């Protein structure tokens, strides 16, 4: 393990560091002042599993050699000035579980890659605060096999640990329960702490907020029935909500705020019985808010800026059919907001431990 994080190192990353990836599993250079381009990693046979280059001043393209990092599980590039298209080539990495590109200058469309294996192990994908455009390709989400596995929702089913089950007490249930408590704190600034030991837990997340995506939310999102957090806020998405989203049985946090979505909120959404955070504010929804299950727990902030909605928890009652009809659509102004997801990624199980903040 090479950990030079949280110092005042400047200048470029020496190209020879890429050769170390043959014999080092973890390279952590986060929170320095490194600039220039990312050198080639994994040019030869590599044992690299973790690469943290976040919070520097790196620029330019992602090195194509990253596709050779066949054991890579964790890639964090947050808060740099990288300028590139979405790295579809990384979709062939069989072990990649965490890909965080937030707060860079990635751009363009998420056109579907024709790779035979596409992000099969991916659990966390954060593209927020970039310059991505265009509609969501349906097939892009259909390839996320790990986010479809029912096993990821098992902590919902197991509400406690047997005293004899040490692995349960030290692992899945307790950690997952902590995630849920953190997610309850606030809707607009959601802090997530991941405890990564030798393998990732069953935490799953997609955050595409603060980009320029448009079009409708694809039906394929509904196939991600192991996804826990979905954030598509602050884009230009339009059309109605696909009822298939109600199939995301494990979903705990859904943020679609500050888009141009309209129509009725599907009554099938009451099937999302684990939903704890909901934000549909600043859209063009109309008609009655669904009643029952988790929808009885959300407050008015979940629906702010949709003047044609009615029913609990709003003061506007759905007393007549006229109230349920949409008025003149309103354009939703795009506005800057604080980063909706604050990551605190903690890598444990490697002796001293490495923190990804």
Protein backbone atom coordinates (compact mmCIF):
# COMPACT_ATOMS: atom_id res chain seq x y z
CA UNK A 1 0.00 0.00 0.00
CA UNK A 2 1.21 3.50 -0.91
CA UNK A 3 -0.53 6.26 1.05
CA UNK A 4 0.64 9.86 0.47
CA UNK A 5 -2.79 11.41 1.04
CA UNK A 6 -3.62 14.68 2.80
CA UNK A 7 -0.31 16.41 2.31
CA UNK A 8 0.93 19.37 0.25
CA UNK A 9 2.49 17.49 -2.64
CA UNK A 10 2.42 19.43 -5.91
CA UNK A 11 3.58 18.96 -9.46
CA UNK A 12 2.77 16.02 -11.69
CA UNK A 13 2.42 12.39 -10.74
CA UNK A 14 5.65 10.76 -11.98
CA UNK A 15 5.06 8.30 -14.77
CA UNK A 16 7.08 5.62 -12.97
CA UNK A 17 4.35 5.43 -10.33
CA UNK A 18 2.23 3.59 -12.85
CA UNK A 19 4.77 0.78 -12.82
CA UNK A 20 4.22 0.31 -9.09
CA UNK A 21 0.71 -0.93 -9.82
CA UNK A 22 2.31 -4.27 -10.62
CA UNK A 23 3.18 -4.89 -6.99
CA UNK A 24 0.94 -2.52 -4.99
CA UNK A 25 -2.76 -3.06 -4.33
CA UNK A 26 -3.67 0.38 -2.95
CA UNK A 27 -2.46 3.77 -4.22
CA UNK A 28 -3.87 6.73 -2.29
CA UNK A 29 -2.84 10.23 -3.41
CA UNK A 30 -6.02 12.04 -2.47
CA UNK A 31 -6.15 15.59 -1.08
CA UNK A 32 -2.91 17.03 -2.36
CA UNK A 33 -2.18 19.66 -5.02
CA UNK A 34 -1.07 17.33 -7.80
CA UNK A 35 -1.65 18.62 -11.31
CA UNK A 36 -1.13 17.61 -14.91
CA UNK A 37 -2.37 14.39 -16.46
CA UNK A 38 -2.90 11.02 -14.82
CA UNK A 39 -0.04 8.73 -15.88
CA UNK A 40 -0.55 5.25 -17.26
CA UNK A 41 -1.40 2.64 -14.65
CA UNK A 42 -1.45 -1.11 -15.20
CA UNK A 43 0.71 -1.02 -18.33
CA UNK A 44 1.84 -4.53 -17.40
CA UNK A 45 0.38 -7.21 -15.16
CA UNK A 46 -1.25 -5.43 -12.24
CA UNK A 47 -2.44 -6.15 -8.70
CA UNK A 48 -4.01 -2.70 -8.27
CA UNK A 49 -7.42 -2.85 -6.55
CA UNK A 50 -7.81 0.72 -5.24
CA UNK A 51 -6.85 4.03 -6.85
CA UNK A 52 -7.75 7.29 -5.07
CA UNK A 53 -6.73 10.46 -6.92
CA UNK A 54 -9.58 12.66 -5.71
CA UNK A 55 -9.27 16.27 -4.54
CA UNK A 56 -6.27 17.30 -6.61
CA UNK A 57 -5.88 19.46 -9.71
CA UNK A 58 -5.54 16.72 -12.29
CA UNK A 59 -6.66 17.47 -15.83
CA UNK A 60 -6.99 16.03 -19.30
CA UNK A 61 -8.16 12.57 -20.35
CA UNK A 62 -8.33 9.37 -18.35
CA UNK A 63 -5.43 7.11 -19.36
CA UNK A 64 -6.61 4.30 -21.63
CA UNK A 65 -4.33 1.94 -19.76
CA UNK A 66 -6.83 1.78 -16.85
CA UNK A 67 -8.68 -0.84 -18.86
CA UNK A 68 -5.77 -3.18 -18.04
CA UNK A 69 -6.42 -2.89 -14.28
CA UNK A 70 -8.41 -6.11 -14.24
CA UNK A 71 -8.46 -6.34 -10.42
CA UNK A 72 -9.53 -2.72 -9.86
CA UNK A 73 -12.50 -2.43 -7.48
CA UNK A 74 -12.41 1.21 -6.37
CA UNK A 75 -11.72 4.34 -8.49
CA UNK A 76 -12.22 7.79 -6.97
CA UNK A 77 -11.51 10.87 -9.15
CA UNK A 78 -13.71 13.43 -7.36
CA UNK A 79 -12.89 17.15 -7.45
CA UNK A 80 -10.39 17.44 -10.27
CA UNK A 81 -10.65 19.11 -13.69
CA UNK A 82 -10.61 15.97 -15.83
CA UNK A 83 -12.11 16.54 -19.26
CA UNK A 84 -13.23 13.44 -21.12
CA UNK A 85 -16.20 11.46 -22.38
CA UNK A 86 -17.78 8.85 -20.14
CA UNK A 87 -15.22 6.00 -19.80
CA UNK A 88 -17.26 3.14 -21.27
CA UNK A 89 -14.02 1.19 -21.72
CA UNK A 90 -13.93 0.62 -17.94
CA UNK A 91 -17.17 -1.36 -18.23
CA UNK A 92 -15.18 -4.50 -19.04
CA UNK A 93 -13.38 -4.49 -15.67
CA UNK A 94 -14.88 -7.54 -13.96
CA UNK A 95 -14.23 -6.42 -10.35
CA UNK A 96 -15.05 -2.69 -10.54
CA UNK A 97 -17.54 -1.89 -7.77
CA UNK A 98 -17.11 1.85 -7.13
CA UNK A 99 -16.71 4.51 -9.85
CA UNK A 100 -16.86 8.11 -8.62
CA UNK A 101 -16.34 10.89 -11.20
CA UNK A 102 -18.15 13.68 -9.36
CA UNK A 103 -17.15 17.34 -9.77
CA UNK A 104 -15.05 17.21 -12.92
CA UNK A 105 -15.62 18.25 -16.53
CA UNK A 106 -16.77 15.00 -18.05
CA UNK A 107 -19.12 15.69 -20.91
CA UNK A 108 -21.17 14.19 -23.73
CA UNK A 109 -23.80 11.46 -23.85
CA UNK A 110 -23.98 8.11 -22.14
CA UNK A 111 -24.32 6.24 -25.39
CA UNK A 112 -24.46 2.53 -24.77
CA UNK A 113 -21.24 0.58 -25.07
CA UNK A 114 -21.40 -2.59 -27.16
CA UNK A 115 -19.08 -4.41 -24.77
CA UNK A 116 -20.27 -7.92 -24.01
CA UNK A 117 -19.75 -7.33 -20.27
CA UNK A 118 -20.73 -3.91 -18.94
CA UNK A 119 -20.17 -2.94 -15.30
CA UNK A 120 -21.34 -6.32 -14.07
CA UNK A 121 -20.00 -5.74 -10.53
CA UNK A 122 -20.72 -2.01 -10.24
CA UNK A 123 -22.52 -1.00 -7.03
CA UNK A 124 -21.81 2.73 -6.81
CA UNK A 125 -21.79 5.11 -9.79
CA UNK A 126 -21.51 8.85 -9.09
CA UNK A 127 -21.41 11.16 -12.13
CA UNK A 128 -22.82 14.22 -10.38
CA UNK A 129 -21.66 17.79 -11.06
CA UNK A 130 -20.29 17.23 -14.55
CA UNK A 131 -21.44 18.28 -18.03
CA UNK A 132 -23.15 15.14 -19.32
CA UNK A 133 -25.98 15.70 -21.79
CA UNK A 134 -28.65 13.87 -23.77
CA UNK A 135 -31.21 11.23 -22.80
CA UNK A 136 -30.49 8.10 -20.81
CA UNK A 137 -29.91 5.06 -23.05
CA UNK A 138 -32.14 2.26 -21.82
CA UNK A 139 -29.54 -0.48 -22.37
CA UNK A 140 -26.99 1.39 -20.26
CA UNK A 141 -28.88 0.52 -17.09
CA UNK A 142 -29.88 -2.95 -18.19
CA UNK A 143 -26.25 -4.05 -17.93
CA UNK A 144 -25.90 -3.26 -14.19
CA UNK A 145 -26.24 -6.84 -13.01
CA UNK A 146 -25.07 -6.19 -9.44
CA UNK A 147 -27.78 -3.57 -8.92
CA UNK A 148 -30.40 -6.13 -9.91
CA UNK A 149 -29.42 -8.83 -7.43
CA UNK A 150 -32.09 -9.48 -4.85
CA UNK A 151 -29.37 -10.44 -2.39
CA UNK A 152 -28.54 -6.76 -1.94
CA UNK A 153 -31.92 -6.23 -0.32
CA UNK A 154 -31.51 -9.02 2.24
CA UNK A 155 -30.62 -6.63 5.11
CA UNK A 156 -34.24 -5.45 4.85
CA UNK A 157 -35.41 -8.94 5.56
CA UNK A 158 -33.03 -9.64 8.43
CA UNK A 159 -33.88 -7.07 11.09
CA UNK A 160 -31.60 -8.41 13.80
CA UNK A 161 -28.64 -10.67 14.49
CA UNK A 162 -28.50 -13.91 16.34
CA UNK A 163 -26.13 -13.65 19.33
CA UNK A 164 -24.12 -16.54 17.94
CA UNK A 165 -23.72 -14.92 14.55
CA UNK A 166 -20.52 -12.86 14.93
CA UNK A 167 -20.26 -12.10 11.22
CA UNK A 168 -23.71 -10.56 11.27
CA UNK A 169 -22.97 -8.40 14.31
CA UNK A 170 -19.67 -7.17 12.89
CA UNK A 171 -20.76 -6.90 9.31
CA UNK A 172 -23.82 -6.61 7.15
CA UNK A 173 -26.73 -5.80 9.45
CA UNK A 174 -25.02 -3.32 11.77
CA UNK A 175 -23.35 -1.41 8.95
CA UNK A 176 -26.50 -1.36 6.88
CA UNK A 177 -28.53 -0.18 9.85
CA UNK A 178 -26.08 2.70 10.32
CA UNK A 179 -26.54 3.72 6.67
CA UNK A 180 -30.28 3.94 7.25
CA UNK A 181 -29.87 6.17 10.29
CA UNK A 182 -27.55 8.50 8.36
CA UNK A 183 -29.96 8.67 5.45
CA UNK A 184 -32.76 9.79 7.77
CA UNK A 185 -30.88 12.91 8.87
CA UNK A 186 -31.75 15.16 5.94
CA UNK A 187 -33.10 15.01 2.44
CA UNK A 188 -31.09 17.75 0.77
CA UNK A 189 -27.67 16.86 2.12
CA UNK A 190 -27.42 13.12 2.43
CA UNK A 191 -24.30 11.87 4.15
CA UNK A 192 -23.33 8.30 3.43
CA UNK A 193 -20.61 6.40 5.21
CA UNK A 194 -19.43 3.21 3.60
CA UNK A 195 -17.40 0.69 5.51
CA UNK A 196 -15.32 -1.13 2.94
CA UNK A 197 -13.40 -4.13 4.12
CA UNK A 198 -12.16 -6.97 1.98
CA UNK A 199 -15.33 -6.84 -0.06
CA UNK A 200 -17.96 -4.18 -0.43
CA UNK A 201 -21.17 -4.40 1.50
CA UNK A 202 -24.49 -4.51 -0.32
CA UNK A 203 -24.77 -0.73 -0.52
CA UNK A 204 -25.82 0.47 -4.01
CA UNK A 205 -26.14 4.00 -5.35
CA UNK A 206 -26.60 5.96 -8.61
CA UNK A 207 -26.09 9.74 -8.52
CA UNK A 208 -26.40 11.62 -11.84
CA UNK A 209 -27.45 14.94 -10.30
CA UNK A 210 -26.33 18.39 -11.48
CA UNK A 211 -25.76 17.58 -15.14
CA UNK A 212 -27.69 18.40 -18.32
CA UNK A 213 -29.49 15.11 -18.93
CA UNK A 214 -32.84 15.43 -20.70
CA UNK A 215 -35.65 13.24 -21.99
CA UNK A 216 -37.57 10.75 -19.91
CA UNK A 217 -36.48 8.40 -17.16
CA UNK A 218 -36.09 5.00 -18.86
CA UNK A 219 -38.19 2.01 -17.89
CA UNK A 220 -34.95 0.07 -17.30
CA UNK A 221 -34.46 1.87 -13.99
CA UNK A 222 -37.23 -0.32 -12.67
CA UNK A 223 -35.04 -3.39 -13.22
CA UNK A 224 -32.56 -2.18 -10.59
CA UNK A 225 -34.48 -3.82 -7.78
CA UNK A 226 -31.45 -3.88 -5.46
CA UNK A 227 -30.70 -0.14 -5.76
CA UNK A 228 -30.88 1.77 -2.48
CA UNK A 229 -30.22 5.39 -3.55
CA UNK A 230 -31.19 7.09 -6.83
CA UNK A 231 -30.49 10.79 -7.39
CA UNK A 232 -31.34 12.35 -10.78
CA UNK A 233 -31.98 15.86 -9.46
CA UNK A 234 -31.01 19.15 -11.12
CA UNK A 235 -31.20 18.06 -14.73
CA UNK A 236 -33.73 18.70 -17.52
CA UNK A 237 -35.62 15.43 -17.40
CA UNK A 238 -39.21 15.63 -18.65
CA UNK A 239 -42.27 13.50 -19.42
CA UNK A 240 -44.07 11.42 -16.81
CA UNK A 241 -42.63 9.03 -14.25
CA UNK A 242 -42.43 5.44 -15.49
CA UNK A 243 -44.56 3.18 -13.25
CA UNK A 244 -41.73 0.62 -13.43
CA UNK A 245 -39.85 2.63 -10.77
CA UNK A 246 -42.22 1.02 -8.29
CA UNK A 247 -40.36 -2.26 -8.92
CA UNK A 248 -37.22 -0.90 -7.19
CA UNK A 249 -38.20 -2.75 -4.05
CA UNK A 250 -35.07 -1.93 -2.02
CA UNK A 251 -35.07 1.81 -2.76
CA UNK A 252 -34.59 4.00 0.32
CA UNK A 253 -33.80 7.41 -1.17
CA UNK A 254 -35.25 8.94 -4.36
CA UNK A 255 -34.40 12.50 -5.44
CA UNK A 256 -35.89 13.75 -8.73
CA UNK A 257 -36.08 17.42 -7.74
CA UNK A 258 -35.43 20.39 -10.03
CA UNK A 259 -36.33 18.79 -13.35
CA UNK A 260 -39.25 19.26 -15.76
CA UNK A 261 -41.10 16.09 -14.90
CA UNK A 262 -44.89 16.17 -15.03
CA UNK A 263 -48.07 14.13 -14.87
CA UNK A 264 -49.38 12.27 -11.85
CA UNK A 265 -47.28 10.55 -9.24
CA UNK A 266 -48.02 6.85 -9.93
CA UNK A 267 -50.08 5.26 -7.18
CA UNK A 268 -47.87 2.16 -7.57
CA UNK A 269 -45.10 4.10 -5.79
CA UNK A 270 -46.73 3.13 -2.49
CA UNK A 271 -45.14 -0.29 -3.11
CA UNK A 272 -41.77 1.30 -2.20
CA UNK A 273 -42.14 0.29 1.42
CA UNK A 274 -38.51 1.02 2.38
CA UNK A 275 -38.48 4.56 0.94
CA UNK A 276 -37.29 6.95 3.64
CA UNK A 277 -36.17 9.98 1.60
CA UNK A 278 -38.30 11.44 -1.21
CA UNK A 279 -37.76 14.70 -3.07
CA UNK A 280 -40.02 15.52 -6.04
CA UNK A 281 -39.86 19.28 -5.54
CA UNK A 282 -39.60 21.85 -8.35
CA UNK A 283 -41.25 19.86 -11.12
CA UNK A 284 -44.65 19.99 -12.85
CA UNK A 285 -46.53 17.18 -11.12
CA UNK A 286 -50.28 17.48 -10.69
CA UNK A 287 -53.18 15.63 -9.15
CA UNK A 288 -53.45 13.70 -5.88
CA UNK A 289 -50.43 12.56 -3.92
CA UNK A 290 -50.55 8.77 -3.39
CA UNK A 291 -51.83 7.68 0.01
CA UNK A 292 -50.53 4.82 2.08
CA UNK A 293 -47.32 3.17 3.22
CA UNK A 294 -44.27 5.48 3.24
CA UNK A 295 -46.17 8.29 1.52
CA UNK A 296 -47.92 8.95 4.82
CA UNK A 297 -44.55 9.93 6.34
CA UNK A 298 -43.25 12.56 3.88
CA UNK A 299 -43.61 16.27 4.60
CA UNK A 300 -44.44 19.17 2.30
CA UNK A 301 -40.78 19.74 1.37
CA UNK A 302 -40.96 16.55 -0.70
CA UNK A 303 -43.46 18.24 -3.04
CA UNK A 304 -42.57 21.97 -2.91
CA UNK A 305 -42.81 23.82 -6.23
CA UNK A 306 -45.56 21.60 -7.70
CA UNK A 307 -48.53 23.96 -7.32
CA UNK A 308 -50.99 21.57 -8.99
CA UNK A 309 -50.50 18.72 -6.51
CA UNK A 310 -53.12 18.12 -3.85
CA UNK A 311 -53.72 15.91 -0.87
CA UNK A 312 -51.76 15.01 2.25
CA UNK A 313 -49.41 16.50 3.44
CA UNK A 314 -50.34 19.62 1.45
CA UNK A 315 -53.04 21.99 2.62
CA UNK A 316 -54.68 21.84 -0.83
CA UNK A 317 -57.40 19.20 -0.82
CA UNK A 318 -58.37 17.05 -3.79
CA UNK A 319 -62.05 17.84 -3.44
CA UNK A 320 -63.05 18.16 -7.07
CA UNK A 321 -62.02 16.79 -10.41
CA UNK A 322 -61.17 20.31 -11.55
CA UNK A 323 -58.40 20.52 -8.95
CA UNK A 324 -56.84 17.39 -10.42
CA UNK A 325 -56.40 18.88 -13.88
CA UNK A 326 -53.05 20.42 -14.77
CA UNK A 327 -52.76 24.15 -15.22
CA UNK A 328 -50.35 25.86 -17.60
CA UNK A 329 -46.99 24.06 -17.33
CA UNK A 330 -44.24 26.00 -15.64
CA UNK A 331 -40.61 25.83 -16.65
CA UNK A 332 -38.34 24.82 -13.83
CA UNK A 333 -35.42 27.16 -13.53
CA UNK A 334 -32.06 25.51 -13.15
CA UNK A 335 -30.24 26.61 -10.06
CA UNK A 336 -27.04 25.72 -8.32
CA UNK A 337 -27.28 23.75 -5.15
CA UNK A 338 -25.00 22.16 -2.63
CA UNK A 339 -23.73 18.75 -3.55
CA UNK A 340 -26.61 16.49 -2.54
CA UNK A 341 -24.44 13.58 -1.56
CA UNK A 342 -21.45 13.87 0.77
CA UNK A 343 -19.30 10.79 0.56
CA UNK A 344 -17.26 9.45 3.38
CA UNK A 345 -15.75 6.27 2.07
CA UNK A 346 -13.72 4.34 4.60
CA UNK A 347 -11.40 1.55 3.53
CA UNK A 348 -10.86 -0.90 6.38
CA UNK A 349 -9.16 -4.25 6.74
CA UNK A 350 -5.70 -3.28 5.45
CA UNK A 351 -3.76 -2.94 8.71
CA UNK A 352 -3.76 0.77 9.53
CA UNK A 353 -6.80 1.54 7.35
CA UNK A 354 -7.23 4.18 4.67
CA UNK A 355 -9.92 6.85 4.63
CA UNK A 356 -11.54 8.22 1.48
CA UNK A 357 -13.33 11.46 2.43
